[in-house]
Amino acid sequence: MSGTPQPNTPPTSGSGARVTDPRNMQFGSFGSEGNTSQANPEVIMFGNPLYLNPNENLSLPIVSELMDGNNYSMWSRSVLNVLKTKHKMGFVDGSLPRPAITDPQFHLWDGCNTVVLTWILNSVNKDIRRSVMRQDNAKVLWDELKRRFGQLSANRMINLKDEIHKCKQGNLTITQYYTQIKGLWDEYTEYNPIVACNCLPGNTNPCTAVEAFERKQETDYLIRSLRGLNPDYEIIKKQLLMLKPLPTVTIAVDDLLQYEQELKARGGTKKGQSVALAVGGEGTRDNEVGDQGQGKKFCRFCKRNNHYIEECWRLKKKKDDAEKEGKP
């Protein structure tokens, strides 16, 4: 009958454009080329914080190591990284607050909030989970965990410094030792991050504070790493620490790995005696003066200061490699 509204006619806005009923909105899924359909205006596109992958497994934790109260800093960083990839950071940082229950998208927000809440609960141990099970808001839960366990960071940082100080190579290879101390150092830097500089407005000179702090951290890392090496590495330790500028830990480890192979090839050394001393007689020290002034040791082979050519383990390695290949 004319004038009678049709029951299936969707509501329209004042301009006549179709208004989507949020109860009919569908979660988008990837097509053959990784894109959601552009034709359906009711699809929530990937990248929208309210998008949920229908294949999400909510029974599994989203990080490899559960939070037990002592690893909050590393755990929280891992969880935040996962939430970023899933575009769900807004549910814990306050940028996507809970809408009014009358809001058309409330049920979508509430569903995503429940998913984020479940991810966090599944990523803590059972004792902690039991104590926060009544929380129904992901941000409130996140803030509570930070308040309860974030304050333990200072104590953990002290313990980490002690562990790093006591870390020794012992029977470990260079690779094993480096892996061990790097894990401790990475966790330590999580508790002692580099703070962004806030220079005064109008300052035209580039600020070097952050760069200087990074260099200091790298220097501390190098010294602590070398300090735990066995006595067999005493000579190369001294050579590395006397270089100007100091090498990075990555560069130092490369040299240590080569030196380790020399030690293995010669059956080890005693009391830190350098493998390179076997080169004795190669060259002389005449005119071997470094580029930093009269009297400084300088190697004519590797062009580095603080040792002479007969002490250069790099030269010894080159000669040994040549002999193995049958070269003169």
C-alpha atoms as a PDB file:
ATOM      1  CA  MET A   1       0.000   0.000   0.000  1.00  0.00           C
ATOM      2  CA  SER A   2       1.270   3.467  -0.846  1.00  0.00           C
ATOM      3  CA  GLY A   3       2.770   5.323   2.115  1.00  0.00           C
ATOM      4  CA  THR A   4       3.401   2.135   4.119  1.00  0.00           C
ATOM      5  CA  PRO A   5       7.142   1.668   4.871  1.00  0.00           C
ATOM      6  CA  GLN A   6       8.604  -1.555   3.574  1.00  0.00           C
ATOM      7  CA  PRO A   7       9.943  -3.793   6.407  1.00  0.00           C
ATOM      8  CA  ASN A   8      13.233  -4.573   4.643  1.00  0.00           C
ATOM      9  CA  THR A   9      14.032  -1.043   3.530  1.00  0.00           C
ATOM     10  CA  PRO A  10      17.320   0.084   5.129  1.00  0.00           C
ATOM     11  CA  PRO A  11      17.280   3.443   6.929  1.00  0.00           C
ATOM     12  CA  THR A  12      18.732   6.430   5.144  1.00  0.00           C
ATOM     13  CA  SER A  13      20.439   9.595   6.256  1.00  0.00           C
ATOM     14  CA  GLY A  14      19.127  13.040   5.476  1.00  0.00           C
ATOM     15  CA  SER A  15      21.076  13.073   2.234  1.00  0.00           C
ATOM     16  CA  GLY A  16      19.595   9.803   1.146  1.00  0.00           C
ATOM     17  CA  ALA A  17      22.828   7.825   1.636  1.00  0.00           C
ATOM     18  CA  ARG A  18      22.461   4.363   3.036  1.00  0.00           C
ATOM     19  CA  VAL A  19      23.213   3.994   6.767  1.00  0.00           C
ATOM     20  CA  THR A  20      24.743   0.677   7.693  1.00  0.00           C
ATOM     21  CA  ASP A  21      23.140  -1.150  10.578  1.00  0.00           C
ATOM     22  CA  PRO A  22      26.142  -2.155  12.728  1.00  0.00           C
ATOM     23  CA  ARG A  23      24.432  -5.416  13.629  1.00  0.00           C
ATOM     24  CA  ASN A  24      24.832  -6.435   9.990  1.00  0.00           C
ATOM     25  CA  MET A  25      28.495  -5.404   9.682  1.00  0.00           C
ATOM     26  CA  GLN A  26      30.838  -8.225   8.765  1.00  0.00           C
ATOM     27  CA  PHE A  27      34.480  -8.753   9.527  1.00  0.00           C
ATOM     28  CA  GLY A  28      36.600  -8.566   6.393  1.00  0.00           C
ATOM     29  CA  SER A  29      38.886 -11.361   5.273  1.00  0.00           C
ATOM     30  CA  PHE A  30      41.806 -11.451   2.873  1.00  0.00           C
ATOM     31  CA  GLY A  31      41.108 -12.179  -0.751  1.00  0.00           C
ATOM     32  CA  SER A  32      43.453 -13.779  -3.229  1.00  0.00           C
ATOM     33  CA  GLU A  33      45.681 -10.707  -3.258  1.00  0.00           C
ATOM     34  CA  GLY A  34      45.528  -9.954   0.473  1.00  0.00           C
ATOM     35  CA  ASN A  35      42.899  -7.196   0.128  1.00  0.00           C
ATOM     36  CA  THR A  36      39.377  -7.070   1.477  1.00  0.00           C
ATOM     37  CA  SER A  37      36.455  -6.512  -0.808  1.00  0.00           C
ATOM     38  CA  GLN A  38      35.938  -2.885  -1.765  1.00  0.00           C
ATOM     39  CA  ALA A  39      32.447  -3.510  -3.095  1.00  0.00           C
ATOM     40  CA  ASN A  40      30.732  -4.253   0.238  1.00  0.00           C
ATOM     41  CA  PRO A  41      30.439  -1.053   2.317  1.00  0.00           C
ATOM     42  CA  GLU A  42      29.548  -3.111   5.412  1.00  0.00           C
ATOM     43  CA  VAL A  43      32.925  -4.866   5.602  1.00  0.00           C
ATOM     44  CA  ILE A  44      35.363  -3.709   8.304  1.00  0.00           C
ATOM     45  CA  MET A  45      38.645  -3.386   6.490  1.00  0.00           C
ATOM     46  CA  PHE A  46      41.928  -4.863   7.670  1.00  0.00           C
ATOM     47  CA  GLY A  47      43.851  -2.202   9.566  1.00  0.00           C
ATOM     48  CA  ASN A  48      40.761  -0.895  11.324  1.00  0.00           C
ATOM     49  CA  PRO A  49      41.155  -1.399  15.109  1.00  0.00           C
ATOM     50  CA  LEU A  50      37.705  -3.025  15.114  1.00  0.00           C
ATOM     51  CA  TYR A  51      38.746  -5.633  12.550  1.00  0.00           C
ATOM     52  CA  LEU A  52      39.059  -9.192  13.846  1.00  0.00           C
ATOM     53  CA  ASN A  53      40.571 -12.059  11.935  1.00  0.00           C
ATOM     54  CA  PRO A  54      38.019 -14.890  12.026  1.00  0.00           C
ATOM     55  CA  ASN A  55      40.887 -17.384  12.280  1.00  0.00           C
ATOM     56  CA  GLU A  56      42.260 -15.994  15.562  1.00  0.00           C
ATOM     57  CA  ASN A  57      42.922 -18.754  18.117  1.00  0.00           C
ATOM     58  CA  LEU A  58      41.967 -17.226  21.454  1.00  0.00           C
ATOM     59  CA  SER A  59      43.122 -20.226  23.471  1.00  0.00           C
ATOM     60  CA  LEU A  60      46.823 -19.527  22.859  1.00  0.00           C
ATOM     61  CA  PRO A  61      49.145 -16.880  24.351  1.00  0.00           C
ATOM     62  CA  ILE A  62      50.409 -14.214  21.963  1.00  0.00           C
ATOM     63  CA  VAL A  63      53.982 -14.266  23.332  1.00  0.00           C
ATOM     64  CA  SER A  64      56.418 -17.133  23.788  1.00  0.00           C
ATOM     65  CA  GLU A  65      57.170 -16.487  27.478  1.00  0.00           C
ATOM     66  CA  LEU A  66      54.413 -16.006  30.042  1.00  0.00           C
ATOM     67  CA  MET A  67      54.682 -13.127  32.491  1.00  0.00           C
ATOM     68  CA  ASP A  68      55.572 -14.425  35.959  1.00  0.00           C
ATOM     69  CA  GLY A  69      56.077 -11.099  37.729  1.00  0.00           C
ATOM     70  CA  ASN A  70      59.855 -10.994  37.300  1.00  0.00           C
ATOM     71  CA  ASN A  71      59.965 -10.429  33.549  1.00  0.00           C
ATOM     72  CA  TYR A  72      57.400  -7.657  33.183  1.00  0.00           C
ATOM     73  CA  SER A  73      59.557  -5.270  31.132  1.00  0.00           C
ATOM     74  CA  MET A  74      60.490  -7.767  28.421  1.00  0.00           C
ATOM     75  CA  TRP A  75      57.007  -9.288  28.479  1.00  0.00           C
ATOM     76  CA  SER A  76      55.189  -5.969  28.111  1.00  0.00           C
ATOM     77  CA  ARG A  77      57.424  -4.967  25.194  1.00  0.00           C
ATOM     78  CA  SER A  78      56.648  -8.260  23.429  1.00  0.00           C
ATOM     79  CA  VAL A  79      52.898  -7.926  24.011  1.00  0.00           C
ATOM     80  CA  LEU A  80      52.856  -4.334  22.749  1.00  0.00           C
ATOM     81  CA  ASN A  81      54.716  -5.382  19.593  1.00  0.00           C
ATOM     82  CA  VAL A  82      52.064  -8.030  18.894  1.00  0.00           C
ATOM     83  CA  LEU A  83      49.228  -5.589  19.563  1.00  0.00           C
ATOM     84  CA  LYS A  84      50.811  -3.136  17.115  1.00  0.00           C
ATOM     85  CA  THR A  85      50.857  -5.726  14.353  1.00  0.00           C
ATOM     86  CA  LYS A  86      47.187  -6.465  15.042  1.00  0.00           C
ATOM     87  CA  HIS A  87      46.256  -2.745  15.218  1.00  0.00           C
ATOM     88  CA  LYS A  88      44.959  -3.161  18.773  1.00  0.00           C
ATOM     89  CA  MET A  89      47.266  -0.776  20.684  1.00  0.00           C
ATOM     90  CA  GLY A  90      44.349   1.608  21.243  1.00  0.00           C
ATOM     91  CA  PHE A  91      42.698  -0.872  23.595  1.00  0.00           C
ATOM     92  CA  VAL A  92      45.551  -0.637  26.135  1.00  0.00           C
ATOM     93  CA  ASP A  93      47.035   2.841  25.641  1.00  0.00           C
ATOM     94  CA  GLY A  94      43.763   4.736  26.036  1.00  0.00           C
ATOM     95  CA  SER A  95      43.550   6.051  22.476  1.00  0.00           C
ATOM     96  CA  LEU A  96      40.476   3.906  21.760  1.00  0.00           C
ATOM     97  CA  PRO A  97      38.304   4.335  24.890  1.00  0.00           C
ATOM     98  CA  ARG A  98      35.111   2.467  25.593  1.00  0.00           C
ATOM     99  CA  PRO A  99      32.204   4.124  23.699  1.00  0.00           C
ATOM    100  CA  ALA A 100      28.778   4.721  25.145  1.00  0.00           C
ATOM    101  CA  ILE A 101      26.545   1.674  25.145  1.00  0.00           C
ATOM    102  CA  THR A 102      24.220   3.546  22.794  1.00  0.00           C
ATOM    103  CA  ASP A 103      27.010   4.057  20.277  1.00  0.00           C
ATOM    104  CA  PRO A 104      26.327   2.080  17.063  1.00  0.00           C
ATOM    105  CA  GLN A 105      29.801   0.533  17.239  1.00  0.00           C
ATOM    106  CA  PHE A 106      29.749  -0.353  20.933  1.00  0.00           C
ATOM    107  CA  HIS A 107      29.257  -4.069  20.331  1.00  0.00           C
ATOM    108  CA  LEU A 108      32.180  -4.093  17.882  1.00  0.00           C
ATOM    109  CA  TRP A 109      34.448  -2.332  20.375  1.00  0.00           C
ATOM    110  CA  ASP A 110      33.282  -4.637  23.160  1.00  0.00           C
ATOM    111  CA  GLY A 111      34.065  -7.719  21.088  1.00  0.00           C
ATOM    112  CA  CYS A 112      37.589  -6.508  20.264  1.00  0.00           C
ATOM    113  CA  ASN A 113      38.157  -5.472  23.880  1.00  0.00           C
ATOM    114  CA  THR A 114      37.244  -8.991  24.994  1.00  0.00           C
ATOM    115  CA  VAL A 115      39.680 -10.477  22.494  1.00  0.00           C
ATOM    116  CA  VAL A 116      42.552  -8.236  23.677  1.00  0.00           C
ATOM    117  CA  LEU A 117      41.641  -9.033  27.284  1.00  0.00           C
ATOM    118  CA  THR A 118      41.808 -12.750  26.487  1.00  0.00           C
ATOM    119  CA  TRP A 119      45.183 -12.383  24.759  1.00  0.00           C
ATOM    120  CA  ILE A 120      46.655 -10.683  27.830  1.00  0.00           C
ATOM    121  CA  LEU A 121      45.155 -13.171  30.291  1.00  0.00           C
ATOM    122  CA  ASN A 122      46.512 -16.090  28.272  1.00  0.00           C
ATOM    123  CA  SER A 123      49.973 -14.503  28.313  1.00  0.00           C
ATOM    124  CA  VAL A 124      50.426 -14.436  32.112  1.00  0.00           C
ATOM    125  CA  ASN A 125      50.956 -17.387  34.423  1.00  0.00           C
ATOM    126  CA  LYS A 126      48.003 -19.010  36.150  1.00  0.00           C
ATOM    127  CA  ASP A 127      48.587 -17.369  39.535  1.00  0.00           C
ATOM    128  CA  ILE A 128      48.530 -13.859  38.068  1.00  0.00           C
ATOM    129  CA  ARG A 129      45.639 -14.767  35.784  1.00  0.00           C
ATOM    130  CA  ARG A 130      43.585 -15.932  38.743  1.00  0.00           C
ATOM    131  CA  SER A 131      44.079 -12.587  40.493  1.00  0.00           C
ATOM    132  CA  VAL A 132      42.795 -10.478  37.573  1.00  0.00           C
ATOM    133  CA  MET A 133      40.120 -12.696  36.047  1.00  0.00           C
ATOM    134  CA  ARG A 134      37.331 -10.318  37.086  1.00  0.00           C
ATOM    135  CA  GLN A 135      38.614  -7.481  34.896  1.00  0.00           C
ATOM    136  CA  ASP A 136      36.462  -6.806  31.835  1.00  0.00           C
ATOM    137  CA  ASN A 137      38.393  -3.876  30.342  1.00  0.00           C
ATOM    138  CA  ALA A 138      41.719  -4.457  28.566  1.00  0.00           C
ATOM    139  CA  LYS A 139      43.173  -1.051  29.485  1.00  0.00           C
ATOM    140  CA  VAL A 140      42.230  -1.388  33.158  1.00  0.00           C
ATOM    141  CA  LEU A 141      43.858  -4.827  33.199  1.00  0.00           C
ATOM    142  CA  TRP A 142      46.980  -3.518  31.445  1.00  0.00           C
ATOM    143  CA  ASP A 143      47.321  -0.622  33.885  1.00  0.00           C
ATOM    144  CA  GLU A 144      46.892  -2.929  36.873  1.00  0.00           C
ATOM    145  CA  LEU A 145      49.635  -5.281  35.680  1.00  0.00           C
ATOM    146  CA  LYS A 146      51.950  -2.320  35.100  1.00  0.00           C
ATOM    147  CA  ARG A 147      51.219  -0.927  38.563  1.00  0.00           C
ATOM    148  CA  ARG A 148      51.800  -4.272  40.270  1.00  0.00           C
ATOM    149  CA  PHE A 149      54.831  -5.547  38.410  1.00  0.00           C
ATOM    150  CA  GLY A 150      56.418  -2.540  36.733  1.00  0.00           C
ATOM    151  CA  GLN A 151      57.810  -1.352  40.064  1.00  0.00           C
ATOM    152  CA  LEU A 152      59.903  -4.508  40.285  1.00  0.00           C
ATOM    153  CA  SER A 153      61.976  -3.296  37.333  1.00  0.00           C
ATOM    154  CA  ALA A 154      64.543  -1.500  39.514  1.00  0.00           C
ATOM    155  CA  ASN A 155      65.260  -4.638  41.539  1.00  0.00           C
ATOM    156  CA  ARG A 156      65.531  -6.721  38.387  1.00  0.00           C
ATOM    157  CA  MET A 157      67.943  -4.194  36.864  1.00  0.00           C
ATOM    158  CA  ILE A 158      70.205  -4.493  39.920  1.00  0.00           C
ATOM    159  CA  ASN A 159      70.127  -8.285  39.656  1.00  0.00           C
ATOM    160  CA  LEU A 160      70.914  -8.127  35.942  1.00  0.00           C
ATOM    161  CA  LYS A 161      73.954  -5.908  36.528  1.00  0.00           C
ATOM    162  CA  ASP A 162      75.187  -8.457  39.059  1.00  0.00           C
ATOM    163  CA  GLU A 163      74.604 -11.349  36.633  1.00  0.00           C
ATOM    164  CA  ILE A 164      76.454  -9.528  33.852  1.00  0.00           C
ATOM    165  CA  HIS A 165      79.353  -8.787  36.209  1.00  0.00           C
ATOM    166  CA  LYS A 166      79.586 -12.474  37.169  1.00  0.00           C
ATOM    167  CA  CYS A 167      79.157 -13.798  33.621  1.00  0.00           C
ATOM    168  CA  LYS A 168      82.256 -15.812  32.648  1.00  0.00           C
ATOM    169  CA  GLN A 169      83.173 -17.759  29.548  1.00  0.00           C
ATOM    170  CA  GLY A 170      84.359 -20.882  31.344  1.00  0.00           C
ATOM    171  CA  ASN A 171      83.854 -23.891  29.070  1.00  0.00           C
ATOM    172  CA  LEU A 172      81.658 -21.970  26.642  1.00  0.00           C
ATOM    173  CA  THR A 173      82.658 -21.189  23.077  1.00  0.00           C
ATOM    174  CA  ILE A 174      82.794 -17.555  21.980  1.00  0.00           C
ATOM    175  CA  THR A 175      79.404 -17.950  20.294  1.00  0.00           C
ATOM    176  CA  GLN A 176      77.829 -19.514  23.375  1.00  0.00           C
ATOM    177  CA  TYR A 177      79.343 -16.922  25.702  1.00  0.00           C
ATOM    178  CA  TYR A 178      78.304 -14.030  23.474  1.00  0.00           C
ATOM    179  CA  THR A 179      74.741 -15.388  23.249  1.00  0.00           C
ATOM    180  CA  GLN A 180      74.547 -15.649  27.027  1.00  0.00           C
ATOM    181  CA  ILE A 181      75.834 -12.172  27.842  1.00  0.00           C
ATOM    182  CA  LYS A 182      73.893 -10.571  24.974  1.00  0.00           C
ATOM    183  CA  GLY A 183      70.649 -11.944  26.387  1.00  0.00           C
ATOM    184  CA  LEU A 184      71.441 -10.430  29.784  1.00  0.00           C
ATOM    185  CA  TRP A 185      72.546  -7.123  28.270  1.00  0.00           C
ATOM    186  CA  ASP A 186      69.473  -6.811  26.040  1.00  0.00           C
ATOM    187  CA  GLU A 187      67.217  -7.337  29.039  1.00  0.00           C
ATOM    188  CA  TYR A 188      69.248  -4.823  31.053  1.00  0.00           C
ATOM    189  CA  THR A 189      68.846  -2.153  28.371  1.00  0.00           C
ATOM    190  CA  GLU A 190      65.090  -2.762  28.424  1.00  0.00           C
ATOM    191  CA  TYR A 191      65.129  -1.444  31.993  1.00  0.00           C
ATOM    192  CA  ASN A 192      67.547   1.365  31.121  1.00  0.00           C
ATOM    193  CA  PRO A 193      66.334   2.703  27.754  1.00  0.00           C
ATOM    194  CA  ILE A 194      67.748   5.631  25.814  1.00  0.00           C
ATOM    195  CA  VAL A 195      65.503   8.610  26.487  1.00  0.00           C
ATOM    196  CA  ALA A 196      64.629  10.867  23.575  1.00  0.00           C
ATOM    197  CA  CYS A 197      66.137  14.344  23.789  1.00  0.00           C
ATOM    198  CA  ASN A 198      63.900  17.360  24.338  1.00  0.00           C
ATOM    199  CA  CYS A 199      66.050  20.276  23.242  1.00  0.00           C
ATOM    200  CA  LEU A 200      64.829  23.821  23.735  1.00  0.00           C
ATOM    201  CA  PRO A 201      62.748  25.164  20.837  1.00  0.00           C
ATOM    202  CA  GLY A 202      64.798  27.179  18.399  1.00  0.00           C
ATOM    203  CA  ASN A 203      68.020  25.277  19.056  1.00  0.00           C
ATOM    204  CA  THR A 204      69.653  25.024  15.630  1.00  0.00           C
ATOM    205  CA  ASN A 205      72.641  22.976  16.784  1.00  0.00           C
ATOM    206  CA  PRO A 206      72.193  19.207  16.426  1.00  0.00           C
ATOM    207  CA  CYS A 207      71.874  17.520  19.809  1.00  0.00           C
ATOM    208  CA  THR A 208      74.471  14.832  20.455  1.00  0.00           C
ATOM    209  CA  ALA A 209      73.178  13.705  23.853  1.00  0.00           C
ATOM    210  CA  VAL A 210      71.442  10.575  22.553  1.00  0.00           C
ATOM    211  CA  GLU A 211      74.408   9.634  20.375  1.00  0.00           C
ATOM    212  CA  ALA A 212      76.781  10.086  23.319  1.00  0.00           C
ATOM    213  CA  PHE A 213      74.593   7.909  25.538  1.00  0.00           C
ATOM    214  CA  GLU A 214      74.476   5.192  22.869  1.00  0.00           C
ATOM    215  CA  ARG A 215      78.284   5.239  22.617  1.00  0.00           C
ATOM    216  CA  LYS A 216      78.583   4.958  26.380  1.00  0.00           C
ATOM    217  CA  GLN A 217      76.220   1.993  26.443  1.00  0.00           C
ATOM    218  CA  GLU A 218      78.157   0.295  23.639  1.00  0.00           C
ATOM    219  CA  THR A 219      81.463   0.906  25.445  1.00  0.00           C
ATOM    220  CA  ASP A 220      80.105  -0.537  28.697  1.00  0.00           C
ATOM    221  CA  TYR A 221      78.783  -3.529  26.775  1.00  0.00           C
ATOM    222  CA  LEU A 222      82.178  -4.127  25.138  1.00  0.00           C
ATOM    223  CA  ILE A 223      84.134  -3.872  28.398  1.00  0.00           C
ATOM    224  CA  ARG A 224      81.765  -6.155  30.293  1.00  0.00           C
ATOM    225  CA  SER A 225      81.817  -8.703  27.459  1.00  0.00           C
ATOM    226  CA  LEU A 226      85.615  -8.803  27.223  1.00  0.00           C
ATOM    227  CA  ARG A 227      86.078  -8.941  30.975  1.00  0.00           C
ATOM    228  CA  GLY A 228      84.453 -12.369  31.220  1.00  0.00           C
ATOM    229  CA  LEU A 229      86.683 -14.042  28.620  1.00  0.00           C
ATOM    230  CA  ASN A 230      89.158 -16.763  29.550  1.00  0.00           C
ATOM    231  CA  PRO A 231      92.875 -15.926  30.065  1.00  0.00           C
ATOM    232  CA  ASP A 232      93.675 -17.414  26.645  1.00  0.00           C
ATOM    233  CA  TYR A 233      92.170 -14.277  25.108  1.00  0.00           C
ATOM    234  CA  GLU A 234      94.157 -11.786  27.200  1.00  0.00           C
ATOM    235  CA  ILE A 235      96.317 -10.525  24.331  1.00  0.00           C
ATOM    236  CA  ILE A 236      93.487  -9.889  21.902  1.00  0.00           C
ATOM    237  CA  LYS A 237      91.426  -8.328  24.705  1.00  0.00           C
ATOM    238  CA  LYS A 238      94.164  -5.768  25.273  1.00  0.00           C
ATOM    239  CA  GLN A 239      94.525  -5.109  21.560  1.00  0.00           C
ATOM    240  CA  LEU A 240      90.792  -4.513  21.160  1.00  0.00           C
ATOM    241  CA  LEU A 241      90.587  -2.193  24.158  1.00  0.00           C
ATOM    242  CA  MET A 242      93.522  -0.110  22.933  1.00  0.00           C
ATOM    243  CA  LEU A 243      91.974   0.600  19.543  1.00  0.00           C
ATOM    244  CA  LYS A 244      90.867   4.163  18.848  1.00  0.00           C
ATOM    245  CA  PRO A 245      87.962   4.388  18.457  1.00  0.00           C
ATOM    246  CA  LEU A 246      86.839   1.306  20.325  1.00  0.00           C
ATOM    247  CA  PRO A 247      85.206  -1.324  18.116  1.00  0.00           C
ATOM    248  CA  THR A 248      81.588  -2.309  18.514  1.00  0.00           C
ATOM    249  CA  VAL A 249      80.821  -5.602  20.225  1.00  0.00           C
ATOM    250  CA  THR A 250      79.819  -7.090  16.868  1.00  0.00           C
ATOM    251  CA  ILE A 251      83.220  -6.272  15.352  1.00  0.00           C
ATOM    252  CA  ALA A 252      85.017  -7.504  18.464  1.00  0.00           C
ATOM    253  CA  VAL A 253      83.156 -10.820  18.332  1.00  0.00           C
ATOM    254  CA  ASP A 254      84.213 -11.311  14.705  1.00  0.00           C
ATOM    255  CA  ASP A 255      87.867 -10.945  15.741  1.00  0.00           C
ATOM    256  CA  LEU A 256      87.358 -13.202  18.754  1.00  0.00           C
ATOM    257  CA  LEU A 257      85.830 -15.927  16.586  1.00  0.00           C
ATOM    258  CA  GLN A 258      88.858 -15.870  14.283  1.00  0.00           C
ATOM    259  CA  TYR A 259      91.191 -15.948  17.262  1.00  0.00           C
ATOM    260  CA  GLU A 260      89.237 -18.862  18.719  1.00  0.00           C
ATOM    261  CA  GLN A 261      89.879 -20.861  15.553  1.00  0.00           C
ATOM    262  CA  GLU A 262      93.594 -20.180  15.925  1.00  0.00           C
ATOM    263  CA  LEU A 263      93.517 -21.445  19.494  1.00  0.00           C
ATOM    264  CA  LYS A 264      91.768 -24.620  18.404  1.00  0.00           C
ATOM    265  CA  ALA A 265      94.209 -25.163  15.543  1.00  0.00           C
ATOM    266  CA  ARG A 266      97.196 -24.944  17.901  1.00  0.00           C
ATOM    267  CA  GLY A 267      95.622 -26.835  20.772  1.00  0.00           C
ATOM    268  CA  GLY A 268      95.125 -23.772  22.968  1.00  0.00           C
ATOM    269  CA  THR A 269      97.600 -21.545  24.773  1.00  0.00           C
ATOM    270  CA  LYS A 270      98.722 -21.124  28.341  1.00  0.00           C
ATOM    271  CA  LYS A 271      98.477 -18.089  30.569  1.00  0.00           C
ATOM    272  CA  GLY A 272      97.078 -15.914  27.812  1.00  0.00           C
ATOM    273  CA  GLN A 273     100.129 -16.311  25.569  1.00  0.00           C
ATOM    274  CA  SER A 274      99.314 -14.983  22.110  1.00  0.00           C
ATOM    275  CA  VAL A 275      99.077 -17.438  19.272  1.00  0.00           C
ATOM    276  CA  ALA A 276     100.635 -14.776  17.120  1.00  0.00           C
ATOM    277  CA  LEU A 277     103.966 -15.051  18.953  1.00  0.00           C
ATOM    278  CA  ALA A 278     104.641 -18.119  16.819  1.00  0.00           C
ATOM    279  CA  VAL A 279     105.254 -15.694  13.983  1.00  0.00           C
ATOM    280  CA  GLY A 280     108.521 -14.654  15.667  1.00  0.00           C
ATOM    281  CA  GLY A 281     111.153 -13.385  13.277  1.00  0.00           C
ATOM    282  CA  GLU A 282     108.715 -11.929  10.765  1.00  0.00           C
ATOM    283  CA  GLY A 283     109.863  -8.406  10.068  1.00  0.00           C
ATOM    284  CA  THR A 284     111.458  -5.993  12.470  1.00  0.00           C
ATOM    285  CA  ARG A 285     110.287  -3.186  14.693  1.00  0.00           C
ATOM    286  CA  ASP A 286     112.387  -0.604  12.890  1.00  0.00           C
ATOM    287  CA  ASN A 287     110.338   2.453  11.988  1.00  0.00           C
ATOM    288  CA  GLU A 288     107.182   0.777  13.303  1.00  0.00           C
ATOM    289  CA  VAL A 289     105.671   3.902  14.735  1.00  0.00           C
ATOM    290  CA  GLY A 290     101.919   4.344  15.034  1.00  0.00           C
ATOM    291  CA  ASP A 291      99.940   7.142  13.501  1.00  0.00           C
ATOM    292  CA  GLN A 292      99.290   8.653  16.903  1.00  0.00           C
ATOM    293  CA  GLY A 293     102.800   9.743  17.768  1.00  0.00           C
ATOM    294  CA  GLN A 294     106.396   8.692  18.277  1.00  0.00           C
ATOM    295  CA  GLY A 295     106.906   5.474  20.205  1.00  0.00           C
ATOM    296  CA  LYS A 296     103.474   3.942  19.641  1.00  0.00           C
ATOM    297  CA  LYS A 297     103.408   0.305  18.602  1.00  0.00           C
ATOM    298  CA  PHE A 298     102.249  -0.190  15.034  1.00  0.00           C
ATOM    299  CA  CYS A 299     101.745  -3.344  12.952  1.00  0.00           C
ATOM    300  CA  ARG A 300     102.847  -2.980   9.340  1.00  0.00           C
ATOM    301  CA  PHE A 301     100.644  -5.912   8.310  1.00  0.00           C
ATOM    302  CA  CYS A 302      97.157  -5.072   9.628  1.00  0.00           C
ATOM    303  CA  LYS A 303      97.888  -1.341   9.959  1.00  0.00           C
ATOM    304  CA  ARG A 304      96.681  -1.261  13.558  1.00  0.00           C
ATOM    305  CA  ASN A 305      98.294   0.277  16.593  1.00  0.00           C
ATOM    306  CA  ASN A 306      99.302  -1.241  19.940  1.00  0.00           C
ATOM    307  CA  HIS A 307     101.146  -4.323  18.682  1.00  0.00           C
ATOM    308  CA  TYR A 308     104.086  -5.213  16.426  1.00  0.00           C
ATOM    309  CA  ILE A 309     103.994  -7.412  13.352  1.00  0.00           C
ATOM    310  CA  GLU A 310     105.451 -10.431  15.170  1.00  0.00           C
ATOM    311  CA  GLU A 311     102.534 -10.240  17.596  1.00  0.00           C
ATOM    312  CA  CYS A 312      99.893 -10.010  14.878  1.00  0.00           C
ATOM    313  CA  TRP A 313      97.631 -13.030  14.988  1.00  0.00           C
ATOM    314  CA  ARG A 314      95.956 -11.911  11.759  1.00  0.00           C
ATOM    315  CA  LEU A 315      99.243 -12.391   9.913  1.00  0.00           C
ATOM    316  CA  LYS A 316      99.689 -15.786  11.526  1.00  0.00           C
ATOM    317  CA  LYS A 317      96.222 -16.809  10.423  1.00  0.00           C
ATOM    318  CA  LYS A 318      96.902 -15.695   6.856  1.00  0.00           C
ATOM    319  CA  LYS A 319     100.127 -17.721   6.729  1.00  0.00           C
ATOM    320  CA  ASP A 320      98.428 -20.808   8.135  1.00  0.00           C
ATOM    321  CA  ASP A 321      95.583 -20.514   5.634  1.00  0.00           C
ATOM    322  CA  ALA A 322      98.074 -20.180   2.795  1.00  0.00           C
ATOM    323  CA  GLU A 323      99.957 -23.293   3.943  1.00  0.00           C
ATOM    324  CA  LYS A 324      96.729 -25.289   4.059  1.00  0.00           C
ATOM    325  CA  GLU A 325      95.910 -24.264   0.499  1.00  0.00           C
ATOM    326  CA  GLY A 326      99.409 -25.187  -0.698  1.00  0.00           C
ATOM    327  CA  LYS A 327     100.341 -21.629  -1.549  1.00  0.00           C
ATOM    328  CA  PRO A 328     103.922 -20.353  -1.152  1.00  0.00           C
END
